[in-house]
């Protein structure tokens, strides 16, 4: 009797195990989707700028070249500080002293003096002072003014506004597609940012004015006029939406 009972139990377990193995969920049909993209643009006025000012000079020996460069550089610093700029707004971005050589066709290279170069990057918070600040720097001995870059303090707010407009555009396009296809727009499945470009200057050279090279200090220079223009912040998004089909015809 005991042996028969054991066999019966084994048989029942075998049938039960086979029944469980047969339960395999079938593939679910994928719901129809719509994919759209959107782009938003925000324009804003710059409220501060960076300007790079440099001085280049030469002399027959390294000491004279370096000393003259330091004298002019100190004069430029004094001019910048006269407009209220502090040490946190001033950065020496480059300094080099190089020896120059002449290369005659026949013979050894010979020294033709030394050239000293230094540049300072200034943060200007009062844009109305920018032109006057440049003029004062040139009067102090600057020989190059390069890389005037305009920026805005409220860029983060403009970025979020541009992103919102991009999502609205993507949704409006998706809704139009759904209605044209005879259905309605369902829930959003995925929403991804395509990136934010901030800020782009709407003037020349993508946010930087053309370089000014001062070749002569003689004569009277007219006042430098600076027009800030506007900045452009753009954002793009990519979205996937559920498409709810209408009644079949």
Protein backbone atom coordinates (compact mmCIF):
# COMPACT_ATOMS: atom_id res chain seq x y z
CA UNK A 1 0.00 0.00 0.00
CA UNK A 2 2.70 2.43 0.83
CA UNK A 3 4.47 1.86 -2.53
CA UNK A 4 1.21 2.53 -4.47
CA UNK A 5 0.65 5.76 -2.58
CA UNK A 6 4.12 7.03 -3.41
CA UNK A 7 3.65 6.26 -7.10
CA UNK A 8 0.34 8.08 -7.16
CA UNK A 9 1.86 11.16 -5.60
CA UNK A 10 4.69 11.19 -8.15
CA UNK A 11 2.22 10.91 -11.03
CA UNK A 12 0.13 13.82 -9.73
CA UNK A 13 3.22 15.99 -9.35
CA UNK A 14 4.31 15.18 -12.87
CA UNK A 15 0.97 16.22 -14.31
CA UNK A 16 0.94 19.40 -12.20
CA UNK A 17 4.45 20.34 -13.31
CA UNK A 18 3.50 19.87 -16.92
CA UNK A 19 0.45 22.12 -16.54
CA UNK A 20 2.53 24.97 -15.06
CA UNK A 21 5.06 24.75 -17.89
CA UNK A 22 2.26 25.22 -20.41
CA UNK A 23 1.29 28.69 -19.04
CA UNK A 24 3.28 31.17 -21.20
CA UNK A 25 1.97 34.69 -21.62
CA UNK A 26 1.48 35.61 -25.24
CA UNK A 27 3.01 38.73 -26.81
CA UNK A 28 1.05 41.92 -26.25
CA UNK A 29 0.23 44.06 -29.25
CA UNK A 30 2.09 47.38 -29.30
CA UNK A 31 -0.15 50.40 -29.17
CA UNK A 32 0.20 52.84 -32.08
CA UNK A 33 2.41 55.84 -31.35
CA UNK A 34 3.16 59.30 -32.68
CA UNK A 35 6.63 60.86 -32.63
CA UNK A 36 7.13 64.62 -32.84
CA UNK A 37 9.78 67.21 -32.15
CA UNK A 38 9.59 70.84 -31.10
CA UNK A 39 11.82 73.88 -30.90
CA UNK A 40 11.49 76.94 -28.71
CA UNK A 41 13.35 80.24 -28.94
CA UNK A 42 13.69 83.01 -26.35
CA UNK A 43 15.28 86.39 -26.98
CA UNK A 44 16.72 88.49 -24.20
CA UNK A 45 18.81 91.62 -23.77
CA UNK A 46 22.37 91.22 -22.48
CA UNK A 47 23.23 93.02 -19.25
CA UNK A 48 26.99 92.41 -18.94
CA UNK A 49 29.98 91.65 -21.13
CA UNK A 50 33.54 90.32 -21.20
CA UNK A 51 36.25 92.12 -23.13
CA UNK A 52 39.86 91.06 -23.69
CA UNK A 53 42.41 93.86 -23.87
CA UNK A 54 46.05 93.34 -24.80
CA UNK A 55 49.31 95.18 -25.18
CA UNK A 56 52.24 94.17 -27.40
CA UNK A 57 55.57 95.95 -27.54
CA UNK A 58 59.16 95.25 -28.56
CA UNK A 59 62.69 96.20 -27.54
CA UNK A 60 66.26 95.16 -28.29
CA UNK A 61 66.66 93.34 -24.98
CA UNK A 62 64.35 91.30 -22.81
CA UNK A 63 64.45 93.62 -19.79
CA UNK A 64 63.38 96.68 -21.75
CA UNK A 65 60.60 94.79 -23.55
CA UNK A 66 59.27 93.33 -20.30
CA UNK A 67 59.54 96.61 -18.39
CA UNK A 68 57.69 98.60 -21.03
CA UNK A 69 55.00 95.94 -21.21
CA UNK A 70 54.55 96.02 -17.44
CA UNK A 71 54.29 99.84 -17.48
CA UNK A 72 51.58 99.80 -20.13
CA UNK A 73 49.77 96.91 -18.46
CA UNK A 74 49.65 98.79 -15.15
CA UNK A 75 48.22 101.82 -16.95
CA UNK A 76 45.50 99.65 -18.50
CA UNK A 77 44.68 98.16 -15.09
CA UNK A 78 44.38 101.64 -13.60
CA UNK A 79 42.03 102.64 -16.42
CA UNK A 80 39.84 99.57 -15.83
CA UNK A 81 39.72 100.12 -12.08
CA UNK A 82 38.68 103.73 -12.62
CA UNK A 83 35.37 102.34 -13.90
CA UNK A 84 34.80 100.44 -10.67
CA UNK A 85 36.12 97.03 -11.73
CA UNK A 86 37.57 95.00 -8.85
CA UNK A 87 40.11 92.17 -8.78
CA UNK A 88 37.39 89.53 -9.15
CA UNK A 89 36.41 91.08 -12.48
CA UNK A 90 39.97 91.18 -13.85
CA UNK A 91 41.98 88.20 -15.06
CA UNK A 92 45.39 88.08 -16.72
CA UNK A 93 44.68 85.63 -19.54
CA UNK A 94 48.06 85.63 -21.30
CA UNK A 95 51.65 86.77 -20.90
CA UNK A 96 54.65 85.82 -23.01
CA UNK A 97 58.08 87.17 -23.83
CA UNK A 98 59.71 85.90 -27.01
CA UNK A 99 63.01 86.48 -28.73
CA UNK A 100 62.86 87.42 -32.39
CA UNK A 101 65.32 86.19 -35.02
CA UNK A 102 66.29 87.15 -38.53
CA UNK A 103 67.18 84.38 -40.96
CA UNK A 104 69.54 85.61 -43.70
CA UNK A 105 69.96 83.47 -46.77
CA UNK A 106 73.60 82.87 -45.99
CA UNK A 107 74.70 82.76 -42.40
CA UNK A 108 73.46 81.99 -38.92
CA UNK A 109 70.19 83.33 -37.48
CA UNK A 110 70.69 86.46 -35.42
CA UNK A 111 68.58 88.08 -32.74
CA UNK A 112 66.42 91.02 -33.79
CA UNK A 113 65.08 91.91 -30.36
CA UNK A 114 62.32 90.77 -28.04
CA UNK A 115 58.53 91.00 -28.05
CA UNK A 116 56.40 91.12 -24.89
CA UNK A 117 52.66 90.42 -24.98
CA UNK A 118 50.08 90.44 -22.21
CA UNK A 119 46.29 90.37 -22.15
CA UNK A 120 43.67 90.93 -19.51
CA UNK A 121 40.05 89.79 -19.50
CA UNK A 122 37.61 92.18 -17.88
CA UNK A 123 34.04 91.61 -16.77
CA UNK A 124 31.97 94.74 -17.42
CA UNK A 125 28.67 94.91 -15.54
CA UNK A 126 27.68 98.36 -16.79
CA UNK A 127 27.31 98.07 -20.55
CA UNK A 128 27.00 101.83 -20.88
CA UNK A 129 30.64 102.04 -19.72
CA UNK A 130 32.00 99.51 -22.22
CA UNK A 131 32.88 101.92 -25.02
CA UNK A 132 34.44 104.44 -22.63
CA UNK A 133 36.36 101.65 -20.90
CA UNK A 134 37.83 100.52 -24.21
CA UNK A 135 38.86 104.08 -25.07
CA UNK A 136 40.51 104.52 -21.67
CA UNK A 137 42.43 101.26 -22.12
CA UNK A 138 43.73 102.34 -25.52
CA UNK A 139 44.78 105.68 -24.08
CA UNK A 140 46.64 103.73 -21.40
CA UNK A 141 48.70 101.83 -23.98
CA UNK A 142 46.54 98.92 -25.17
CA UNK A 143 47.31 97.72 -28.69
CA UNK A 144 44.58 95.09 -29.11
CA UNK A 145 40.94 94.84 -28.06
CA UNK A 146 39.45 91.44 -28.88
CA UNK A 147 36.61 89.14 -27.98
CA UNK A 148 33.83 91.41 -26.73
CA UNK A 149 31.24 88.88 -25.56
CA UNK A 150 27.77 89.80 -24.34
CA UNK A 151 25.90 87.72 -21.75
CA UNK A 152 22.70 87.90 -19.68
CA UNK A 153 22.09 87.20 -16.00
CA UNK A 154 18.63 85.68 -16.56
CA UNK A 155 19.79 82.98 -18.98
CA UNK A 156 18.38 80.14 -16.84
CA UNK A 157 14.89 81.63 -16.92
CA UNK A 158 15.15 82.11 -20.68
CA UNK A 159 16.30 78.49 -21.08
CA UNK A 160 13.26 77.16 -19.23
CA UNK A 161 10.96 79.39 -21.27
CA UNK A 162 12.46 78.10 -24.50
CA UNK A 163 12.06 74.51 -23.27
CA UNK A 164 8.39 75.12 -22.45
CA UNK A 165 7.75 76.53 -25.91
CA UNK A 166 9.47 73.51 -27.48
CA UNK A 167 7.19 71.08 -25.60
CA UNK A 168 4.09 73.08 -26.58
CA UNK A 169 5.10 72.91 -30.23
CA UNK A 170 5.73 69.16 -30.06
CA UNK A 171 2.34 68.58 -28.44
CA UNK A 172 0.50 70.80 -30.93
CA UNK A 173 2.03 68.91 -33.85
CA UNK A 174 1.21 65.56 -32.27
CA UNK A 175 -2.40 66.62 -31.67
CA UNK A 176 -2.75 67.75 -35.29
CA UNK A 177 -1.33 64.45 -36.54
CA UNK A 178 -3.68 62.43 -34.34
CA UNK A 179 -6.78 64.31 -35.50
CA UNK A 180 -5.72 64.06 -39.15
CA UNK A 181 -5.39 60.29 -38.72
CA UNK A 182 -8.94 60.03 -37.34
CA UNK A 183 -8.03 59.56 -33.70
CA UNK A 184 -7.01 61.47 -30.61
CA UNK A 185 -3.79 62.11 -28.78
CA UNK A 186 -3.17 59.91 -25.75
CA UNK A 187 -0.67 60.06 -22.95
CA UNK A 188 2.95 61.02 -23.42
CA UNK A 189 5.21 57.97 -23.53
CA UNK A 190 8.62 59.63 -23.65
CA UNK A 191 9.88 63.20 -23.65
CA UNK A 192 13.55 63.92 -24.22
CA UNK A 193 15.53 67.12 -24.48
CA UNK A 194 17.50 67.58 -27.66
CA UNK A 195 19.69 70.15 -25.94
CA UNK A 196 19.74 73.86 -25.24
CA UNK A 197 21.89 76.37 -27.09
CA UNK A 198 22.57 79.32 -24.82
CA UNK A 199 23.15 82.07 -25.37
CA UNK A 200 23.78 82.86 -29.05
CA UNK A 201 24.45 86.47 -29.96
CA UNK A 202 22.32 87.68 -32.85
CA UNK A 203 25.13 89.91 -34.11
CA UNK A 204 28.44 89.13 -35.84
CA UNK A 205 30.73 86.24 -34.92
CA UNK A 206 28.34 84.42 -32.54
CA UNK A 207 28.56 86.68 -29.54
CA UNK A 208 31.87 88.37 -30.17
CA UNK A 209 32.53 91.66 -31.84
CA UNK A 210 35.31 91.89 -34.37
CA UNK A 211 38.79 92.47 -33.01
CA UNK A 212 40.18 95.97 -32.88
CA UNK A 213 43.92 96.28 -33.49
CA UNK A 214 45.46 99.62 -32.61
CA UNK A 215 48.37 100.29 -34.95
CA UNK A 216 49.05 103.91 -34.03
CA UNK A 217 48.49 106.05 -30.95
CA UNK A 218 48.73 109.32 -32.85
CA UNK A 219 45.71 111.50 -33.53
CA UNK A 220 42.41 111.75 -31.71
CA UNK A 221 40.22 108.66 -31.73
CA UNK A 222 36.46 109.04 -32.01
CA UNK A 223 34.45 107.58 -29.09
CA UNK A 224 33.89 103.84 -29.33
CA UNK A 225 30.21 103.00 -29.64
CA UNK A 226 29.05 99.54 -28.59
CA UNK A 227 25.63 98.14 -29.57
CA UNK A 228 24.78 95.06 -27.41
CA UNK A 229 21.95 93.78 -29.61
CA UNK A 230 20.14 90.72 -28.25
CA UNK A 231 20.86 87.14 -27.24
CA UNK A 232 19.01 84.06 -28.46
CA UNK A 233 18.43 80.92 -26.36
CA UNK A 234 17.00 77.91 -28.21
CA UNK A 235 15.82 74.50 -26.99
CA UNK A 236 14.63 71.36 -28.76
CA UNK A 237 12.68 68.32 -27.55
CA UNK A 238 11.69 64.91 -28.94
CA UNK A 239 8.45 63.27 -27.80
CA UNK A 240 6.51 60.01 -28.23
CA UNK A 241 2.76 59.98 -27.71
CA UNK A 242 0.10 57.32 -27.50
CA UNK A 243 -2.30 57.39 -30.47
CA UNK A 244 -5.91 56.53 -29.62
CA UNK A 245 -7.56 55.33 -32.80
CA UNK A 246 -11.10 56.42 -33.57
CA UNK A 247 -13.98 54.11 -34.53
CA UNK A 248 -13.31 52.17 -37.73
CA UNK A 249 -15.38 53.15 -40.77
